[in-house]
Amino acid sequence: MQWKPVLTTAARSSRYTEFANSLCVHVNHRGDLLLTPAAWNAIGAPEFVQIVSDGNGRMGFRKGDKGKACTYTVQEISSGCVRRLAAKAVSKKYGLAEEKSKTYDLYVDDNVLVLNLGQKPTYHD
């Protein structure tokens, strides 16, 4: 006797797949920060990311060291098209978390991925 699956389902694609080669960060409805592969690789594909601020309306992501202030472990999401930072407190402090997922463009400045907090995001939901 040969066993077969009772249902066949197609692999689900991620809503973030189209951004894989873009320098951007997604903020999901829970407040998690999701770095695209291009963004993560731009800072050296680190195991830990430190989130910093310049006090002038810009937030940054840079390679971090375990145990340092505001440093998060990078978690690979099963889809492989984003790296998750469970930084809900940061999202809350800067008003980034909403009921809709959204994307912000980033740029690199002195080995830091910079997010201009005044920019208008792209919404997904």
PDB file of N, CA and C in Angstrom:
ATOM      1  N   MET A   1       0.850  -1.177   0.000  1.00  0.00           N
ATOM      2  CA  MET A   1       0.000   0.000   0.000  1.00  0.00           C
ATOM      3  C   MET A   1       0.898   1.244   0.000  1.00  0.00           C
ATOM      4  N   GLN A   2       0.516   2.204  -0.806  1.00  0.00           N
ATOM      5  CA  GLN A   2       1.281   3.445  -0.876  1.00  0.00           C
ATOM      6  C   GLN A   2       0.450   4.578  -0.261  1.00  0.00           C
ATOM      7  N   TRP A   3       1.073   5.314   0.664  1.00  0.00           N
ATOM      8  CA  TRP A   3       0.389   6.419   1.327  1.00  0.00           C
ATOM      9  C   TRP A   3       0.549   7.694   0.501  1.00  0.00           C
ATOM     10  N   LYS A   4      -0.524   8.483   0.443  1.00  0.00           N
ATOM     11  CA  LYS A   4      -0.521   9.743  -0.299  1.00  0.00           C
ATOM     12  C   LYS A   4      -1.141  10.827   0.581  1.00  0.00           C
ATOM     13  N   PRO A   5      -0.726  12.067   0.374  1.00  0.00           N
ATOM     14  CA  PRO A   5      -1.328  13.160   1.139  1.00  0.00           C
ATOM     15  C   PRO A   5      -2.821  13.269   0.846  1.00  0.00           C
ATOM     16  N   VAL A   6      -3.581  13.623   1.860  1.00  0.00           N
ATOM     17  CA  VAL A   6      -5.028  13.760   1.662  1.00  0.00           C
ATOM     18  C   VAL A   6      -5.369  15.048   0.931  1.00  0.00           C
ATOM     19  N   LEU A   7      -4.519  16.060   1.056  1.00  0.00           N
ATOM     20  CA  LEU A   7      -4.721  17.330   0.361  1.00  0.00           C
ATOM     21  C   LEU A   7      -3.409  17.751  -0.283  1.00  0.00           C
ATOM     22  N   THR A   8      -3.514  18.390  -1.412  1.00  0.00           N
ATOM     23  CA  THR A   8      -2.339  18.960  -2.059  1.00  0.00           C
ATOM     24  C   THR A   8      -2.508  20.465  -2.058  1.00  0.00           C
ATOM     25  N   THR A   9      -1.554  21.154  -1.472  1.00  0.00           N
ATOM     26  CA  THR A   9      -1.635  22.606  -1.423  1.00  0.00           C
ATOM     27  C   THR A   9      -0.420  23.201  -2.104  1.00  0.00           C
ATOM     28  N   ALA A  10      -0.615  24.298  -2.761  1.00  0.00           N
ATOM     29  CA  ALA A  10       0.488  25.000  -3.412  1.00  0.00           C
ATOM     30  C   ALA A  10       1.271  25.766  -2.351  1.00  0.00           C
ATOM     31  N   ALA A  11       2.559  25.892  -2.574  1.00  0.00           N
ATOM     32  CA  ALA A  11       3.393  26.664  -1.652  1.00  0.00           C
ATOM     33  C   ALA A  11       2.933  28.120  -1.689  1.00  0.00           C
ATOM     34  N   ARG A  12       2.784  28.691  -0.503  1.00  0.00           N
ATOM     35  CA  ARG A  12       2.340  30.075  -0.401  1.00  0.00           C
ATOM     36  C   ARG A  12       3.515  31.017  -0.584  1.00  0.00           C
ATOM     37  N   SER A  13       3.364  32.017  -1.410  1.00  0.00           N
ATOM     38  CA  SER A  13       4.460  32.966  -1.546  1.00  0.00           C
ATOM     39  C   SER A  13       4.250  34.086  -0.533  1.00  0.00           C
ATOM     40  N   SER A  14       5.333  34.672  -0.115  1.00  0.00           N
ATOM     41  CA  SER A  14       5.281  35.742   0.866  1.00  0.00           C
ATOM     42  C   SER A  14       4.953  37.067   0.186  1.00  0.00           C
ATOM     43  N   ARG A  15       4.255  37.917   0.886  1.00  0.00           N
ATOM     44  CA  ARG A  15       3.957  39.250   0.356  1.00  0.00           C
ATOM     45  C   ARG A  15       5.225  40.086   0.238  1.00  0.00           C
ATOM     46  N   TYR A  16       6.310  39.640   0.879  1.00  0.00           N
ATOM     47  CA  TYR A  16       7.555  40.397   0.880  1.00  0.00           C
ATOM     48  C   TYR A  16       8.543  39.951  -0.197  1.00  0.00           C
ATOM     49  N   THR A  17       8.219  38.895  -0.951  1.00  0.00           N
ATOM     50  CA  THR A  17       9.128  38.353  -1.947  1.00  0.00           C
ATOM     51  C   THR A  17       9.565  39.401  -2.965  1.00  0.00           C
ATOM     52  N   GLU A  18       8.653  40.240  -3.397  1.00  0.00           N
ATOM     53  CA  GLU A  18       8.986  41.243  -4.411  1.00  0.00           C
ATOM     54  C   GLU A  18      10.007  42.267  -3.919  1.00  0.00           C
ATOM     55  N   PHE A  19      10.213  42.373  -2.608  1.00  0.00           N
ATOM     56  CA  PHE A  19      11.149  43.342  -2.039  1.00  0.00           C
ATOM     57  C   PHE A  19      12.518  42.737  -1.707  1.00  0.00           C
ATOM     58  N   ALA A  20      12.713  41.459  -2.002  1.00  0.00           N
ATOM     59  CA  ALA A  20      13.928  40.743  -1.576  1.00  0.00           C
ATOM     60  C   ALA A  20      15.223  41.443  -1.959  1.00  0.00           C
ATOM     61  N   ASN A  21      15.260  42.086  -3.115  1.00  0.00           N
ATOM     62  CA  ASN A  21      16.487  42.746  -3.574  1.00  0.00           C
ATOM     63  C   ASN A  21      16.511  44.240  -3.280  1.00  0.00           C
ATOM     64  N   SER A  22      15.565  44.714  -2.500  1.00  0.00           N
ATOM     65  CA  SER A  22      15.484  46.138  -2.160  1.00  0.00           C
ATOM     66  C   SER A  22      15.987  46.377  -0.746  1.00  0.00           C
ATOM     67  N   LEU A  23      16.595  47.537  -0.541  1.00  0.00           N
ATOM     68  CA  LEU A  23      17.001  47.931   0.805  1.00  0.00           C
ATOM     69  C   LEU A  23      15.770  48.500   1.501  1.00  0.00           C
ATOM     70  N   CYS A  24      15.114  47.663   2.299  1.00  0.00           N
ATOM     71  CA  CYS A  24      13.926  48.133   3.010  1.00  0.00           C
ATOM     72  C   CYS A  24      13.670  47.280   4.250  1.00  0.00           C
ATOM     73  N   VAL A  25      12.808  47.813   5.097  1.00  0.00           N
ATOM     74  CA  VAL A  25      12.382  47.111   6.300  1.00  0.00           C
ATOM     75  C   VAL A  25      10.854  47.105   6.302  1.00  0.00           C
ATOM     76  N   HIS A  26      10.298  45.970   6.664  1.00  0.00           N
ATOM     77  CA  HIS A  26       8.850  45.846   6.789  1.00  0.00           C
ATOM     78  C   HIS A  26       8.509  45.888   8.281  1.00  0.00           C
ATOM     79  N   VAL A  27       7.365  46.451   8.594  1.00  0.00           N
ATOM     80  CA  VAL A  27       6.852  46.442   9.965  1.00  0.00           C
ATOM     81  C   VAL A  27       5.509  45.738   9.896  1.00  0.00           C
ATOM     82  N   ASN A  28       5.417  44.573  10.550  1.00  0.00           N
ATOM     83  CA  ASN A  28       4.142  43.860  10.502  1.00  0.00           C
ATOM     84  C   ASN A  28       3.187  44.400  11.569  1.00  0.00           C
ATOM     85  N   HIS A  29       1.957  43.898  11.571  1.00  0.00           N
ATOM     86  CA  HIS A  29       0.933  44.426  12.487  1.00  0.00           C
ATOM     87  C   HIS A  29       1.262  44.170  13.961  1.00  0.00           C
ATOM     88  N   ARG A  30       2.173  43.249  14.246  1.00  0.00           N
ATOM     89  CA  ARG A  30       2.588  42.992  15.633  1.00  0.00           C
ATOM     90  C   ARG A  30       3.720  43.918  16.085  1.00  0.00           C
ATOM     91  N   GLY A  31       4.329  44.627  15.122  1.00  0.00           N
ATOM     92  CA  GLY A  31       5.438  45.512  15.468  1.00  0.00           C
ATOM     93  C   GLY A  31       6.800  44.887  15.258  1.00  0.00           C
ATOM     94  N   ASP A  32       6.853  43.670  14.697  1.00  0.00           N
ATOM     95  CA  ASP A  32       8.143  43.065  14.366  1.00  0.00           C
ATOM     96  C   ASP A  32       8.756  43.832  13.203  1.00  0.00           C
ATOM     97  N   LEU A  33      10.074  43.970  13.221  1.00  0.00           N
ATOM     98  CA  LEU A  33      10.791  44.599  12.123  1.00  0.00           C
ATOM     99  C   LEU A  33      11.387  43.494  11.272  1.00  0.00           C
ATOM    100  N   LEU A  34      11.129  43.526   9.969  1.00  0.00           N
ATOM    101  CA  LEU A  34      11.539  42.470   9.061  1.00  0.00           C
ATOM    102  C   LEU A  34      12.474  43.049   8.005  1.00  0.00           C
ATOM    103  N   LEU A  35      13.744  42.694   8.088  1.00  0.00           N
ATOM    104  CA  LEU A  35      14.727  43.173   7.123  1.00  0.00           C
ATOM    105  C   LEU A  35      14.734  42.286   5.885  1.00  0.00           C
ATOM    106  N   THR A  36      14.781  42.891   4.714  1.00  0.00           N
ATOM    107  CA  THR A  36      14.902  42.124   3.481  1.00  0.00           C
ATOM    108  C   THR A  36      16.302  41.521   3.402  1.00  0.00           C
ATOM    109  N   PRO A  37      16.497  40.476   2.594  1.00  0.00           N
ATOM    110  CA  PRO A  37      17.835  39.912   2.436  1.00  0.00           C
ATOM    111  C   PRO A  37      18.859  40.955   1.988  1.00  0.00           C
ATOM    112  N   ALA A  38      18.464  41.854   1.078  1.00  0.00           N
ATOM    113  CA  ALA A  38      19.388  42.894   0.610  1.00  0.00           C
ATOM    114  C   ALA A  38      19.809  43.811   1.763  1.00  0.00           C
ATOM    115  N   ALA A  39      18.866  44.172   2.609  1.00  0.00           N
ATOM    116  CA  ALA A  39      19.171  45.036   3.751  1.00  0.00           C
ATOM    117  C   ALA A  39      20.062  44.316   4.762  1.00  0.00           C
ATOM    118  N   TRP A  40      19.718  43.082   5.052  1.00  0.00           N
ATOM    119  CA  TRP A  40      20.486  42.288   6.016  1.00  0.00           C
ATOM    120  C   TRP A  40      21.919  42.082   5.518  1.00  0.00           C
ATOM    121  N   ASN A  41      22.056  41.775   4.235  1.00  0.00           N
ATOM    122  CA  ASN A  41      23.396  41.585   3.662  1.00  0.00           C
ATOM    123  C   ASN A  41      24.197  42.885   3.607  1.00  0.00           C
ATOM    124  N   ALA A  42      23.515  44.022   3.463  1.00  0.00           N
ATOM    125  CA  ALA A  42      24.199  45.316   3.395  1.00  0.00           C
ATOM    126  C   ALA A  42      24.951  45.655   4.683  1.00  0.00           C
ATOM    127  N   ILE A  43      24.521  45.058   5.797  1.00  0.00           N
ATOM    128  CA  ILE A  43      25.230  45.304   7.062  1.00  0.00           C
ATOM    129  C   ILE A  43      26.043  44.079   7.481  1.00  0.00           C
ATOM    130  N   GLY A  44      26.300  43.181   6.530  1.00  0.00           N
ATOM    131  CA  GLY A  44      27.190  42.050   6.789  1.00  0.00           C
ATOM    132  C   GLY A  44      26.517  40.771   7.225  1.00  0.00           C
ATOM    133  N   ALA A  45      25.210  40.652   7.049  1.00  0.00           N
ATOM    134  CA  ALA A  45      24.454  39.449   7.428  1.00  0.00           C
ATOM    135  C   ALA A  45      24.775  38.997   8.854  1.00  0.00           C
ATOM    136  N   PRO A  46      24.619  39.903   9.831  1.00  0.00           N
ATOM    137  CA  PRO A  46      24.999  39.582  11.207  1.00  0.00           C
ATOM    138  C   PRO A  46      24.000  38.681  11.932  1.00  0.00           C
ATOM    139  N   GLU A  47      24.473  38.071  12.994  1.00  0.00           N
ATOM    140  CA  GLU A  47      23.614  37.266  13.865  1.00  0.00           C
ATOM    141  C   GLU A  47      22.791  38.164  14.791  1.00  0.00           C
ATOM    142  N   PHE A  48      23.350  39.333  15.106  1.00  0.00           N
ATOM    143  CA  PHE A  48      22.686  40.299  15.984  1.00  0.00           C
ATOM    144  C   PHE A  48      22.667  41.666  15.305  1.00  0.00           C
ATOM    145  N   VAL A  49      21.551  42.398  15.471  1.00  0.00           N
ATOM    146  CA  VAL A  49      21.409  43.739  14.918  1.00  0.00           C
ATOM    147  C   VAL A  49      21.089  44.697  16.054  1.00  0.00           C
ATOM    148  N   GLN A  50      21.816  45.808  16.077  1.00  0.00           N
ATOM    149  CA  GLN A  50      21.551  46.852  17.055  1.00  0.00           C
ATOM    150  C   GLN A  50      20.753  47.956  16.368  1.00  0.00           C
ATOM    151  N   ILE A  51      19.707  48.412  17.030  1.00  0.00           N
ATOM    152  CA  ILE A  51      18.883  49.497  16.499  1.00  0.00           C
ATOM    153  C   ILE A  51      19.290  50.774  17.226  1.00  0.00           C
ATOM    154  N   VAL A  52      19.634  51.800  16.441  1.00  0.00           N
ATOM    155  CA  VAL A  52      20.143  53.057  16.986  1.00  0.00           C
ATOM    156  C   VAL A  52      19.326  54.222  16.436  1.00  0.00           C
ATOM    157  N   SER A  53      19.502  55.390  17.041  1.00  0.00           N
ATOM    158  CA  SER A  53      18.814  56.596  16.598  1.00  0.00           C
ATOM    159  C   SER A  53      19.792  57.761  16.646  1.00  0.00           C
ATOM    160  N   ASP A  54      19.628  58.714  15.724  1.00  0.00           N
ATOM    161  CA  ASP A  54      20.498  59.894  15.746  1.00  0.00           C
ATOM    162  C   ASP A  54      19.841  61.079  16.443  1.00  0.00           C
ATOM    163  N   GLY A  55      18.594  60.917  16.903  1.00  0.00           N
ATOM    164  CA  GLY A  55      17.894  61.995  17.586  1.00  0.00           C
ATOM    165  C   GLY A  55      17.324  63.052  16.649  1.00  0.00           C
ATOM    166  N   ASN A  56      17.495  62.852  15.342  1.00  0.00           N
ATOM    167  CA  ASN A  56      17.007  63.809  14.351  1.00  0.00           C
ATOM    168  C   ASN A  56      15.987  63.178  13.404  1.00  0.00           C
ATOM    169  N   GLY A  57      15.182  62.257  13.918  1.00  0.00           N
ATOM    170  CA  GLY A  57      14.153  61.643  13.101  1.00  0.00           C
ATOM    171  C   GLY A  57      14.638  60.503  12.227  1.00  0.00           C
ATOM    172  N   ARG A  58      15.796  59.967  12.567  1.00  0.00           N
ATOM    173  CA  ARG A  58      16.306  58.822  11.817  1.00  0.00           C
ATOM    174  C   ARG A  58      16.644  57.686  12.778  1.00  0.00           C
ATOM    175  N   MET A  59      16.305  56.480  12.353  1.00  0.00           N
ATOM    176  CA  MET A  59      16.616  55.265  13.101  1.00  0.00           C
ATOM    177  C   MET A  59      17.537  54.440  12.222  1.00  0.00           C
ATOM    178  N   GLY A  60      18.453  53.690  12.844  1.00  0.00           N
ATOM    179  CA  GLY A  60      19.387  52.906  12.064  1.00  0.00           C
ATOM    180  C   GLY A  60      19.510  51.475  12.554  1.00  0.00           C
ATOM    181  N   PHE A  61      19.962  50.611  11.652  1.00  0.00           N
ATOM    182  CA  PHE A  61      20.220  49.204  11.942  1.00  0.00           C
ATOM    183  C   PHE A  61      21.688  48.947  11.618  1.00  0.00           C
ATOM    184  N   ARG A  62      22.417  48.368  12.564  1.00  0.00           N
ATOM    185  CA  ARG A  62      23.816  48.039  12.319  1.00  0.00           C
ATOM    186  C   ARG A  62      24.161  46.730  13.009  1.00  0.00           C
ATOM    187  N   LYS A  63      25.280  46.160  12.595  1.00  0.00           N
ATOM    188  CA  LYS A  63      25.737  44.917  13.200  1.00  0.00           C
ATOM    189  C   LYS A  63      25.883  45.140  14.699  1.00  0.00           C
ATOM    190  N   GLY A  64      25.348  44.204  15.480  1.00  0.00           N
ATOM    191  CA  GLY A  64      25.393  44.332  16.930  1.00  0.00           C
ATOM    192  C   GLY A  64      26.117  43.178  17.584  1.00  0.00           C
ATOM    193  N   ASP A  65      26.370  43.334  18.848  1.00  0.00           N
ATOM    194  CA  ASP A  65      26.997  42.297  19.665  1.00  0.00           C
ATOM    195  C   ASP A  65      26.025  41.883  20.757  1.00  0.00           C
ATOM    196  N   LYS A  66      25.945  40.585  20.996  1.00  0.00           N
ATOM    197  CA  LYS A  66      25.047  40.046  22.012  1.00  0.00           C
ATOM    198  C   LYS A  66      25.284  40.742  23.346  1.00  0.00           C
ATOM    199  N   GLY A  67      24.205  41.142  23.994  1.00  0.00           N
ATOM    200  CA  GLY A  67      24.295  41.763  25.303  1.00  0.00           C
ATOM    201  C   GLY A  67      24.365  43.279  25.290  1.00  0.00           C
ATOM    202  N   LYS A  68      24.574  43.897  24.132  1.00  0.00           N
ATOM    203  CA  LYS A  68      24.614  45.358  24.067  1.00  0.00           C
ATOM    204  C   LYS A  68      23.193  45.907  24.022  1.00  0.00           C
ATOM    205  N   ALA A  69      23.046  47.145  24.456  1.00  0.00           N
ATOM    206  CA  ALA A  69      21.732  47.796  24.511  1.00  0.00           C
ATOM    207  C   ALA A  69      21.050  47.799  23.152  1.00  0.00           C
ATOM    208  N   CYS A  70      19.759  47.517  23.152  1.00  0.00           N
ATOM    209  CA  CYS A  70      18.893  47.547  21.971  1.00  0.00           C
ATOM    210  C   CYS A  70      19.435  46.675  20.831  1.00  0.00           C
ATOM    211  N   THR A  71      19.954  45.505  21.198  1.00  0.00           N
ATOM    212  CA  THR A  71      20.459  44.549  20.214  1.00  0.00           C
ATOM    213  C   THR A  71      19.520  43.349  20.174  1.00  0.00           C
ATOM    214  N   TYR A  72      19.166  42.935  18.968  1.00  0.00           N
ATOM    215  CA  TYR A  72      18.203  41.862  18.768  1.00  0.00           C
ATOM    216  C   TYR A  72      18.819  40.723  17.969  1.00  0.00           C
ATOM    217  N   THR A  73      18.424  39.506  18.306  1.00  0.00           N
ATOM    218  CA  THR A  73      18.839  38.327  17.559  1.00  0.00           C
ATOM    219  C   THR A  73      18.078  38.299  16.241  1.00  0.00           C
ATOM    220  N   VAL A  74      18.788  38.043  15.170  1.00  0.00           N
ATOM    221  CA  VAL A  74      18.165  37.947  13.855  1.00  0.00           C
ATOM    222  C   VAL A  74      17.569  36.551  13.715  1.00  0.00           C
ATOM    223  N   GLN A  75      16.295  36.497  13.385  1.00  0.00           N
ATOM    224  CA  GLN A  75      15.595  35.223  13.216  1.00  0.00           C
ATOM    225  C   GLN A  75      15.198  35.076  11.757  1.00  0.00           C
ATOM    226  N   GLU A  76      15.578  33.961  11.153  1.00  0.00           N
ATOM    227  CA  GLU A  76      15.186  33.718   9.772  1.00  0.00           C
ATOM    228  C   GLU A  76      13.755  33.216   9.744  1.00  0.00           C
ATOM    229  N   ILE A  77      12.947  33.827   8.904  1.00  0.00           N
ATOM    230  CA  ILE A  77      11.564  33.414   8.729  1.00  0.00           C
ATOM    231  C   ILE A  77      11.550  32.264   7.722  1.00  0.00           C
ATOM    232  N   SER A  78      10.621  31.345   7.872  1.00  0.00           N
ATOM    233  CA  SER A  78      10.588  30.143   7.038  1.00  0.00           C
ATOM    234  C   SER A  78      10.544  30.437   5.543  1.00  0.00           C
ATOM    235  N   SER A  79       9.966  31.563   5.153  1.00  0.00           N
ATOM    236  CA  SER A  79       9.903  31.883   3.722  1.00  0.00           C
ATOM    237  C   SER A  79      11.270  32.263   3.177  1.00  0.00           C
ATOM    238  N   GLY A  80      12.191  32.670   4.052  1.00  0.00           N
ATOM    239  CA  GLY A  80      13.541  33.042   3.637  1.00  0.00           C
ATOM    240  C   GLY A  80      13.645  34.411   3.003  1.00  0.00           C
ATOM    241  N   CYS A  81      12.523  35.122   2.874  1.00  0.00           N
ATOM    242  CA  CYS A  81      12.597  36.416   2.195  1.00  0.00           C
ATOM    243  C   CYS A  81      12.688  37.595   3.170  1.00  0.00           C
ATOM    244  N   VAL A  82      12.723  37.338   4.457  1.00  0.00           N
ATOM    245  CA  VAL A  82      12.943  38.390   5.459  1.00  0.00           C
ATOM    246  C   VAL A  82      13.669  37.820   6.664  1.00  0.00           C
ATOM    247  N   ARG A  83      14.313  38.705   7.422  1.00  0.00           N
ATOM    248  CA  ARG A  83      14.943  38.369   8.697  1.00  0.00           C
ATOM    249  C   ARG A  83      14.220  39.180   9.768  1.00  0.00           C
ATOM    250  N   ARG A  84      13.756  38.526  10.801  1.00  0.00           N
ATOM    251  CA  ARG A  84      12.892  39.146  11.816  1.00  0.00           C
ATOM    252  C   ARG A  84      13.686  39.636  13.008  1.00  0.00           C
ATOM    253  N   LEU A  85      13.350  40.846  13.457  1.00  0.00           N
ATOM    254  CA  LEU A  85      13.831  41.395  14.716  1.00  0.00           C
ATOM    255  C   LEU A  85      12.601  41.600  15.585  1.00  0.00           C
ATOM    256  N   ALA A  86      12.525  40.915  16.702  1.00  0.00           N
ATOM    257  CA  ALA A  86      11.369  41.035  17.593  1.00  0.00           C
ATOM    258  C   ALA A  86      11.532  42.297  18.432  1.00  0.00           C
ATOM    259  N   ALA A  87      11.370  43.441  17.786  1.00  0.00           N
ATOM    260  CA  ALA A  87      11.627  44.738  18.406  1.00  0.00           C
ATOM    261  C   ALA A  87      10.334  45.520  18.603  1.00  0.00           C
ATOM    262  N   LYS A  88       9.375  44.874  19.224  1.00  0.00           N
ATOM    263  CA  LYS A  88       8.062  45.496  19.407  1.00  0.00           C
ATOM    264  C   LYS A  88       8.140  46.787  20.230  1.00  0.00           C
ATOM    265  N   ALA A  89       9.029  46.833  21.214  1.00  0.00           N
ATOM    266  CA  ALA A  89       9.167  48.033  22.043  1.00  0.00           C
ATOM    267  C   ALA A  89       9.667  49.212  21.209  1.00  0.00           C
ATOM    268  N   VAL A  90      10.566  48.951  20.273  1.00  0.00           N
ATOM    269  CA  VAL A  90      11.074  50.003  19.383  1.00  0.00           C
ATOM    270  C   VAL A  90       9.949  50.491  18.471  1.00  0.00           C
ATOM    271  N   SER A  91       9.211  49.558  17.884  1.00  0.00           N
ATOM    272  CA  SER A  91       8.086  49.922  17.007  1.00  0.00           C
ATOM    273  C   SER A  91       7.067  50.769  17.752  1.00  0.00           C
ATOM    274  N   LYS A  92       6.805  50.405  18.979  1.00  0.00           N
ATOM    275  CA  LYS A  92       5.832  51.147  19.785  1.00  0.00           C
ATOM    276  C   LYS A  92       6.353  52.550  20.097  1.00  0.00           C
ATOM    277  N   LYS A  93       7.624  52.648  20.496  1.00  0.00           N
ATOM    278  CA  LYS A  93       8.207  53.950  20.850  1.00  0.00           C
ATOM    279  C   LYS A  93       8.150  54.930  19.681  1.00  0.00           C
ATOM    280  N   TYR A  94       8.405  54.443  18.474  1.00  0.00           N
ATOM    281  CA  TYR A  94       8.440  55.304  17.300  1.00  0.00           C
ATOM    282  C   TYR A  94       7.134  55.314  16.508  1.00  0.00           C
ATOM    283  N   GLY A  95       6.086  54.682  17.026  1.00  0.00           N
ATOM    284  CA  GLY A  95       4.782  54.697  16.379  1.00  0.00           C
ATOM    285  C   GLY A  95       4.742  53.967  15.050  1.00  0.00           C
ATOM    286  N   LEU A  96       5.558  52.921  14.894  1.00  0.00           N
ATOM    287  CA  LEU A  96       5.637  52.193  13.633  1.00  0.00           C
ATOM    288  C   LEU A  96       4.580  51.098  13.500  1.00  0.00           C
ATOM    289  N   ALA A  97       4.150  50.532  14.609  1.00  0.00           N
ATOM    290  CA  ALA A  97       3.199  49.412  14.570  1.00  0.00           C
ATOM    291  C   ALA A  97       1.778  49.935  14.356  1.00  0.00           C
ATOM    292  N   GLU A  98       1.111  49.362  13.380  1.00  0.00           N
ATOM    293  CA  GLU A  98      -0.279  49.670  13.085  1.00  0.00           C
ATOM    294  C   GLU A  98      -0.982  48.358  12.789  1.00  0.00           C
ATOM    295  N   GLU A  99      -2.248  48.430  12.463  1.00  0.00           N
ATOM    296  CA  GLU A  99      -2.983  47.207  12.120  1.00  0.00           C
ATOM    297  C   GLU A  99      -2.602  46.687  10.740  1.00  0.00           C
ATOM    298  N   LYS A 100      -1.994  47.514   9.909  1.00  0.00           N
ATOM    299  CA  LYS A 100      -1.578  47.114   8.572  1.00  0.00           C
ATOM    300  C   LYS A 100      -0.058  46.939   8.527  1.00  0.00           C
ATOM    301  N   SER A 101       0.390  45.960   7.745  1.00  0.00           N
ATOM    302  CA  SER A 101       1.821  45.802   7.504  1.00  0.00           C
ATOM    303  C   SER A 101       2.260  46.867   6.518  1.00  0.00           C
ATOM    304  N   LYS A 102       3.496  47.314   6.667  1.00  0.00           N
ATOM    305  CA  LYS A 102       3.994  48.366   5.784  1.00  0.00           C
ATOM    306  C   LYS A 102       5.488  48.222   5.558  1.00  0.00           C
ATOM    307  N   THR A 103       5.983  48.933   4.566  1.00  0.00           N
ATOM    308  CA  THR A 103       7.386  48.870   4.186  1.00  0.00           C
ATOM    309  C   THR A 103       7.974  50.273   4.128  1.00  0.00           C
ATOM    310  N   TYR A 104       9.198  50.394   4.645  1.00  0.00           N
ATOM    311  CA  TYR A 104       9.950  51.644   4.578  1.00  0.00           C
ATOM    312  C   TYR A 104      11.241  51.402   3.803  1.00  0.00           C
ATOM    313  N   ASP A 105      11.609  52.347   2.949  1.00  0.00           N
ATOM    314  CA  ASP A 105      12.881  52.277   2.250  1.00  0.00           C
ATOM    315  C   ASP A 105      14.014  52.647   3.202  1.00  0.00           C
ATOM    316  N   LEU A 106      15.174  52.045   2.963  1.00  0.00           N
ATOM    317  CA  LEU A 106      16.372  52.303   3.753  1.00  0.00           C
ATOM    318  C   LEU A 106      17.495  52.755   2.831  1.00  0.00           C
ATOM    319  N   TYR A 107      18.511  53.369   3.394  1.00  0.00           N
ATOM    320  CA  TYR A 107      19.745  53.649   2.665  1.00  0.00           C
ATOM    321  C   TYR A 107      20.908  53.417   3.609  1.00  0.00           C
ATOM    322  N   VAL A 108      22.083  53.208   3.047  1.00  0.00           N
ATOM    323  CA  VAL A 108      23.266  52.916   3.854  1.00  0.00           C
ATOM    324  C   VAL A 108      24.077  54.188   4.043  1.00  0.00           C
ATOM    325  N   ASP A 109      24.461  54.462   5.288  1.00  0.00           N
ATOM    326  CA  ASP A 109      25.315  55.599   5.622  1.00  0.00           C
ATOM    327  C   ASP A 109      26.284  55.149   6.702  1.00  0.00           C
ATOM    328  N   ASP A 110      27.557  55.062   6.375  1.00  0.00           N
ATOM    329  CA  ASP A 110      28.607  54.693   7.326  1.00  0.00           C
ATOM    330  C   ASP A 110      28.313  53.341   8.001  1.00  0.00           C
ATOM    331  N   ASN A 111      28.008  52.320   7.190  1.00  0.00           N
ATOM    332  CA  ASN A 111      27.726  50.957   7.657  1.00  0.00           C
ATOM    333  C   ASN A 111      26.483  50.843   8.529  1.00  0.00           C
ATOM    334  N   VAL A 112      25.580  51.796   8.409  1.00  0.00           N
ATOM    335  CA  VAL A 112      24.308  51.769   9.131  1.00  0.00           C
ATOM    336  C   VAL A 112      23.189  51.855   8.102  1.00  0.00           C
ATOM    337  N   LEU A 113      22.200  50.965   8.223  1.00  0.00           N
ATOM    338  CA  LEU A 113      20.994  51.072   7.407  1.00  0.00           C
ATOM    339  C   LEU A 113      20.115  52.131   8.045  1.00  0.00           C
ATOM    340  N   VAL A 114      19.808  53.173   7.312  1.00  0.00           N
ATOM    341  CA  VAL A 114      19.095  54.315   7.878  1.00  0.00           C
ATOM    342  C   VAL A 114      17.645  54.337   7.420  1.00  0.00           C
ATOM    343  N   LEU A 115      16.753  54.532   8.383  1.00  0.00           N
ATOM    344  CA  LEU A 115      15.324  54.687   8.150  1.00  0.00           C
ATOM    345  C   LEU A 115      14.949  56.111   8.535  1.00  0.00           C
ATOM    346  N   ASN A 116      14.496  56.891   7.557  1.00  0.00           N
ATOM    347  CA  ASN A 116      14.002  58.231   7.821  1.00  0.00           C
ATOM    348  C   ASN A 116      12.582  58.075   8.339  1.00  0.00           C
ATOM    349  N   LEU A 117      12.357  58.382   9.595  1.00  0.00           N
ATOM    350  CA  LEU A 117      11.048  58.150  10.217  1.00  0.00           C
ATOM    351  C   LEU A 117       9.950  59.050   9.665  1.00  0.00           C
ATOM    352  N   GLY A 118      10.317  60.100   8.951  1.00  0.00           N
ATOM    353  CA  GLY A 118       9.314  61.001   8.378  1.00  0.00           C
ATOM    354  C   GLY A 118       8.793  60.563   7.023  1.00  0.00           C
ATOM    355  N   GLN A 119       9.372  59.529   6.448  1.00  0.00           N
ATOM    356  CA  GLN A 119       8.928  59.095   5.105  1.00  0.00           C
ATOM    357  C   GLN A 119       7.585  58.376   5.170  1.00  0.00           C
ATOM    358  N   LYS A 120       6.885  58.421   4.064  1.00  0.00           N
ATOM    359  CA  LYS A 120       5.589  57.742   3.959  1.00  0.00           C
ATOM    360  C   LYS A 120       5.836  56.280   3.605  1.00  0.00           C
ATOM    361  N   PRO A 121       5.255  55.346   4.351  1.00  0.00           N
ATOM    362  CA  PRO A 121       5.455  53.926   4.056  1.00  0.00           C
ATOM    363  C   PRO A 121       4.553  53.438   2.917  1.00  0.00           C
ATOM    364  N   THR A 122       4.874  52.258   2.416  1.00  0.00           N
ATOM    365  CA  THR A 122       4.012  51.537   1.481  1.00  0.00           C
ATOM    366  C   THR A 122       3.228  50.523   2.295  1.00  0.00           C
ATOM    367  N   TYR A 123       1.880  50.579   2.237  1.00  0.00           N
ATOM    368  CA  TYR A 123       1.041  49.660   3.014  1.00  0.00           C
ATOM    369  C   TYR A 123       0.739  48.405   2.206  1.00  0.00           C
ATOM    370  N   HIS A 124       0.560  47.262   2.922  1.00  0.00           N
ATOM    371  CA  HIS A 124       0.340  45.978   2.267  1.00  0.00           C
ATOM    372  C   HIS A 124      -1.042  45.380   2.506  1.00  0.00           C
ATOM    373  N   ASP A 125      -1.720  45.773   3.524  1.00  0.00           N
ATOM    374  CA  ASP A 125      -3.023  45.135   3.826  1.00  0.00           C
ATOM    375  C   ASP A 125      -4.175  46.030   3.420  1.00  0.00           C
TER     376      ASP A 125
END
